[in-house]
């Protein structure tokens, strides 16, 4: 397994922010995969990509809420 170098950012919320960003990016990226599958007539694969997309949407929403809660606690 290849490990990425440690982040130079030592902020405790960095990993959370990065994970939310990746989830949201995957939602957008999966649109291309869905379109490709549909263009090939592969509705099974398109449906599977949509399920992954929905899971990423839920993870992104959960991560955003978690980040908001954490930032509000730090502020208060």
C-alpha atoms as a PDB file:
ATOM      1  CA  UNK A   1       0.000   0.000   0.000  1.00  0.00           C
ATOM      2  CA  UNK A   2       1.397   3.390  -0.964  1.00  0.00           C
ATOM      3  CA  UNK A   3       1.243   6.028   1.710  1.00  0.00           C
ATOM      4  CA  UNK A   4       1.054   9.686   0.886  1.00  0.00           C
ATOM      5  CA  UNK A   5       3.490  11.932   2.720  1.00  0.00           C
ATOM      6  CA  UNK A   6       2.218  13.458   5.917  1.00  0.00           C
ATOM      7  CA  UNK A   7       0.454  16.740   5.455  1.00  0.00           C
ATOM      8  CA  UNK A   8       2.394  19.815   6.482  1.00  0.00           C
ATOM      9  CA  UNK A   9      -0.924  21.159   7.788  1.00  0.00           C
ATOM     10  CA  UNK A  10      -1.302  20.313  11.457  1.00  0.00           C
ATOM     11  CA  UNK A  11      -4.784  21.784  11.923  1.00  0.00           C
ATOM     12  CA  UNK A  12      -7.008  19.238  13.642  1.00  0.00           C
ATOM     13  CA  UNK A  13      -9.829  19.825  11.160  1.00  0.00           C
ATOM     14  CA  UNK A  14      -7.676  19.421   8.046  1.00  0.00           C
ATOM     15  CA  UNK A  15      -8.464  15.727   7.537  1.00  0.00           C
ATOM     16  CA  UNK A  16     -12.174  16.403   7.967  1.00  0.00           C
ATOM     17  CA  UNK A  17     -12.102  19.254   5.457  1.00  0.00           C
ATOM     18  CA  UNK A  18     -10.147  17.140   2.989  1.00  0.00           C
ATOM     19  CA  UNK A  19     -12.542  14.176   3.354  1.00  0.00           C
ATOM     20  CA  UNK A  20     -15.553  16.442   2.728  1.00  0.00           C
ATOM     21  CA  UNK A  21     -13.835  17.914  -0.328  1.00  0.00           C
ATOM     22  CA  UNK A  22     -13.118  14.438  -1.706  1.00  0.00           C
ATOM     23  CA  UNK A  23     -16.724  13.308  -1.163  1.00  0.00           C
ATOM     24  CA  UNK A  24     -18.049  16.366  -2.982  1.00  0.00           C
ATOM     25  CA  UNK A  25     -15.529  15.942  -5.792  1.00  0.00           C
ATOM     26  CA  UNK A  26     -16.594  12.327  -6.259  1.00  0.00           C
ATOM     27  CA  UNK A  27     -20.238  13.395  -6.607  1.00  0.00           C
ATOM     28  CA  UNK A  28     -19.257  15.591  -9.536  1.00  0.00           C
ATOM     29  CA  UNK A  29     -16.864  13.022 -11.028  1.00  0.00           C
ATOM     30  CA  UNK A  30     -19.456  10.256 -10.938  1.00  0.00           C
ATOM     31  CA  UNK A  31     -21.679  12.315 -13.271  1.00  0.00           C
ATOM     32  CA  UNK A  32     -19.182  11.522 -16.045  1.00  0.00           C
ATOM     33  CA  UNK A  33     -19.167   7.826 -15.186  1.00  0.00           C
ATOM     34  CA  UNK A  34     -22.976   7.717 -15.128  1.00  0.00           C
ATOM     35  CA  UNK A  35     -23.175   9.423 -18.521  1.00  0.00           C
ATOM     36  CA  UNK A  36     -20.565   7.051 -19.960  1.00  0.00           C
ATOM     37  CA  UNK A  37     -22.471   4.002 -18.700  1.00  0.00           C
ATOM     38  CA  UNK A  38     -25.773   5.346 -20.038  1.00  0.00           C
ATOM     39  CA  UNK A  39     -24.201   6.112 -23.420  1.00  0.00           C
ATOM     40  CA  UNK A  40     -23.072   2.467 -23.594  1.00  0.00           C
ATOM     41  CA  UNK A  41     -26.549   1.298 -22.617  1.00  0.00           C
ATOM     42  CA  UNK A  42     -25.322  -0.130 -19.302  1.00  0.00           C
ATOM     43  CA  UNK A  43     -28.105   0.845 -16.929  1.00  0.00           C
ATOM     44  CA  UNK A  44     -26.866  -1.594 -14.262  1.00  0.00           C
ATOM     45  CA  UNK A  45     -23.527   0.201 -14.037  1.00  0.00           C
ATOM     46  CA  UNK A  46     -25.185   3.645 -14.171  1.00  0.00           C
ATOM     47  CA  UNK A  47     -27.427   2.631 -11.261  1.00  0.00           C
ATOM     48  CA  UNK A  48     -24.437   1.403  -9.273  1.00  0.00           C
ATOM     49  CA  UNK A  49     -22.599   4.698  -9.891  1.00  0.00           C
ATOM     50  CA  UNK A  50     -25.708   6.601  -8.732  1.00  0.00           C
ATOM     51  CA  UNK A  51     -25.712   4.623  -5.481  1.00  0.00           C
ATOM     52  CA  UNK A  52     -22.071   5.498  -4.895  1.00  0.00           C
ATOM     53  CA  UNK A  53     -22.861   9.111  -5.735  1.00  0.00           C
ATOM     54  CA  UNK A  54     -25.661   9.162  -3.168  1.00  0.00           C
ATOM     55  CA  UNK A  55     -23.360   7.667  -0.523  1.00  0.00           C
ATOM     56  CA  UNK A  56     -20.818  10.410  -1.259  1.00  0.00           C
ATOM     57  CA  UNK A  57     -23.572  13.028  -1.044  1.00  0.00           C
ATOM     58  CA  UNK A  58     -24.596  11.718   2.384  1.00  0.00           C
ATOM     59  CA  UNK A  59     -20.971  11.597   3.556  1.00  0.00           C
ATOM     60  CA  UNK A  60     -20.400  15.156   2.309  1.00  0.00           C
ATOM     61  CA  UNK A  61     -23.494  16.416   4.094  1.00  0.00           C
ATOM     62  CA  UNK A  62     -22.533  14.624   7.321  1.00  0.00           C
ATOM     63  CA  UNK A  63     -18.996  15.969   7.108  1.00  0.00           C
ATOM     64  CA  UNK A  64     -20.192  19.531   6.530  1.00  0.00           C
ATOM     65  CA  UNK A  65     -22.473  19.302   9.569  1.00  0.00           C
ATOM     66  CA  UNK A  66     -19.664  17.862  11.673  1.00  0.00           C
ATOM     67  CA  UNK A  67     -17.316  20.640  10.569  1.00  0.00           C
ATOM     68  CA  UNK A  68     -19.898  23.340  11.330  1.00  0.00           C
ATOM     69  CA  UNK A  69     -20.503  21.885  14.789  1.00  0.00           C
ATOM     70  CA  UNK A  70     -16.770  21.686  15.512  1.00  0.00           C
ATOM     71  CA  UNK A  71     -16.078  25.233  14.328  1.00  0.00           C
ATOM     72  CA  UNK A  72     -18.976  26.618  16.365  1.00  0.00           C
ATOM     73  CA  UNK A  73     -17.689  24.863  19.515  1.00  0.00           C
ATOM     74  CA  UNK A  74     -14.219  26.308  18.931  1.00  0.00           C
ATOM     75  CA  UNK A  75     -15.645  29.790  18.441  1.00  0.00           C
ATOM     76  CA  UNK A  76     -17.825  29.682  21.523  1.00  0.00           C
END
